[in-house]
Amino acid sequence: MQCCISEEQAAGWALREVVERWHQLCKGSVPSQRFICGETLDSAELARLAEVADGWRARLMDGTVIHYPPA
């Protein structure tokens, strides 16, 4: 699946929106799943999730999300 997302649009997404969009395509990580479920992350976990989400945002923009069929 290829999607067209502009840099301007993606730059305006809050952390929650990036994670939610990523989870529509991929499983995410344990911290991202906890974040979406409303669990409190400590400052280090939240900082790391923000770093990872920046990479997800870039991949969502450039369409490099690879889908593998279920095994």
C-alpha atoms as a PDB file:
ATOM      1  CA  MET A   1       0.000   0.000   0.000  1.00  0.00           C
ATOM      2  CA  GLN A   2       1.361   3.381  -0.975  1.00  0.00           C
ATOM      3  CA  CYS A   3       0.065   6.571   0.604  1.00  0.00           C
ATOM      4  CA  CYS A   4       0.670  10.204  -0.203  1.00  0.00           C
ATOM      5  CA  ILE A   5       1.312  12.258   2.904  1.00  0.00           C
ATOM      6  CA  SER A   6       2.870  15.676   2.609  1.00  0.00           C
ATOM      7  CA  GLU A   7       5.720  16.749   4.857  1.00  0.00           C
ATOM      8  CA  GLU A   8       3.675  19.724   5.989  1.00  0.00           C
ATOM      9  CA  GLN A   9       0.749  17.517   6.974  1.00  0.00           C
ATOM     10  CA  ALA A  10       2.911  14.967   8.789  1.00  0.00           C
ATOM     11  CA  ALA A  11       4.926  17.674  10.560  1.00  0.00           C
ATOM     12  CA  GLY A  12       1.718  18.863  12.204  1.00  0.00           C
ATOM     13  CA  TRP A  13       0.901  15.483  13.729  1.00  0.00           C
ATOM     14  CA  ALA A  14       1.171  15.154  17.495  1.00  0.00           C
ATOM     15  CA  LEU A  15       2.948  12.122  18.920  1.00  0.00           C
ATOM     16  CA  ARG A  16      -0.371  10.348  19.508  1.00  0.00           C
ATOM     17  CA  GLU A  17      -1.432  10.801  15.883  1.00  0.00           C
ATOM     18  CA  VAL A  18       1.875   9.432  14.548  1.00  0.00           C
ATOM     19  CA  VAL A  19       1.606   6.382  16.814  1.00  0.00           C
ATOM     20  CA  GLU A  20      -2.054   5.798  15.934  1.00  0.00           C
ATOM     21  CA  ARG A  21      -1.312   5.994  12.205  1.00  0.00           C
ATOM     22  CA  TRP A  22       1.664   3.648  12.605  1.00  0.00           C
ATOM     23  CA  HIS A  23      -0.467   1.168  14.514  1.00  0.00           C
ATOM     24  CA  GLN A  24      -2.918   1.107  11.606  1.00  0.00           C
ATOM     25  CA  LEU A  25      -0.117  -0.405   9.534  1.00  0.00           C
ATOM     26  CA  CYS A  26       2.162  -2.175  12.013  1.00  0.00           C
ATOM     27  CA  LYS A  27       2.067  -3.614  15.503  1.00  0.00           C
ATOM     28  CA  GLY A  28       4.291  -0.915  16.979  1.00  0.00           C
ATOM     29  CA  SER A  29       6.275  -1.485  20.147  1.00  0.00           C
ATOM     30  CA  VAL A  30       5.374  -2.294  23.722  1.00  0.00           C
ATOM     31  CA  PRO A  31       5.848   1.342  24.808  1.00  0.00           C
ATOM     32  CA  SER A  32       3.769   2.616  21.884  1.00  0.00           C
ATOM     33  CA  GLN A  33       1.004   0.154  22.713  1.00  0.00           C
ATOM     34  CA  ARG A  34       1.096   1.246  26.371  1.00  0.00           C
ATOM     35  CA  PHE A  35       1.012   4.908  25.294  1.00  0.00           C
ATOM     36  CA  ILE A  36      -2.060   4.382  23.117  1.00  0.00           C
ATOM     37  CA  CYS A  37      -3.792   2.487  25.939  1.00  0.00           C
ATOM     38  CA  GLY A  38      -3.335   5.524  28.178  1.00  0.00           C
ATOM     39  CA  GLU A  39      -0.699   4.041  30.469  1.00  0.00           C
ATOM     40  CA  THR A  40       1.784   6.505  31.916  1.00  0.00           C
ATOM     41  CA  LEU A  41       5.292   6.320  30.465  1.00  0.00           C
ATOM     42  CA  ASP A  42       8.225   7.684  32.433  1.00  0.00           C
ATOM     43  CA  SER A  43      10.198  10.546  30.900  1.00  0.00           C
ATOM     44  CA  ALA A  44      12.874   8.267  29.417  1.00  0.00           C
ATOM     45  CA  GLU A  45      10.268   5.988  27.805  1.00  0.00           C
ATOM     46  CA  LEU A  46       8.370   8.970  26.431  1.00  0.00           C
ATOM     47  CA  ALA A  47      11.555  10.539  25.042  1.00  0.00           C
ATOM     48  CA  ARG A  48      12.517   7.270  23.352  1.00  0.00           C
ATOM     49  CA  LEU A  49       9.012   6.835  21.929  1.00  0.00           C
ATOM     50  CA  ALA A  50       9.203  10.361  20.496  1.00  0.00           C
ATOM     51  CA  GLU A  51      12.533   9.486  18.812  1.00  0.00           C
ATOM     52  CA  VAL A  52      11.113   6.274  17.352  1.00  0.00           C
ATOM     53  CA  ALA A  53       7.944   8.064  16.248  1.00  0.00           C
ATOM     54  CA  ASP A  54      10.047  10.585  14.314  1.00  0.00           C
ATOM     55  CA  GLY A  55      11.358   7.655  12.270  1.00  0.00           C
ATOM     56  CA  TRP A  56       7.833   6.316  11.831  1.00  0.00           C
ATOM     57  CA  ARG A  57       6.676   9.765  10.681  1.00  0.00           C
ATOM     58  CA  ALA A  58       9.447   9.820   8.053  1.00  0.00           C
ATOM     59  CA  ARG A  59       8.539   6.330   6.858  1.00  0.00           C
ATOM     60  CA  LEU A  60       4.860   7.238   6.667  1.00  0.00           C
ATOM     61  CA  MET A  61       5.773  10.263   4.526  1.00  0.00           C
ATOM     62  CA  ASP A  62       8.068   8.439   2.124  1.00  0.00           C
ATOM     63  CA  GLY A  63       6.008   5.262   1.869  1.00  0.00           C
ATOM     64  CA  THR A  64       8.704   2.854   3.090  1.00  0.00           C
ATOM     65  CA  VAL A  65       6.362   0.845   5.297  1.00  0.00           C
ATOM     66  CA  ILE A  66       6.646  -2.753   4.137  1.00  0.00           C
ATOM     67  CA  HIS A  67       3.728  -5.100   4.599  1.00  0.00           C
ATOM     68  CA  TYR A  68       4.362  -8.792   4.865  1.00  0.00           C
ATOM     69  CA  PRO A  69       1.533 -11.279   4.448  1.00  0.00           C
ATOM     70  CA  PRO A  70       0.561 -13.171   7.619  1.00  0.00           C
ATOM     71  CA  ALA A  71       2.491 -16.407   8.110  1.00  0.00           C
END
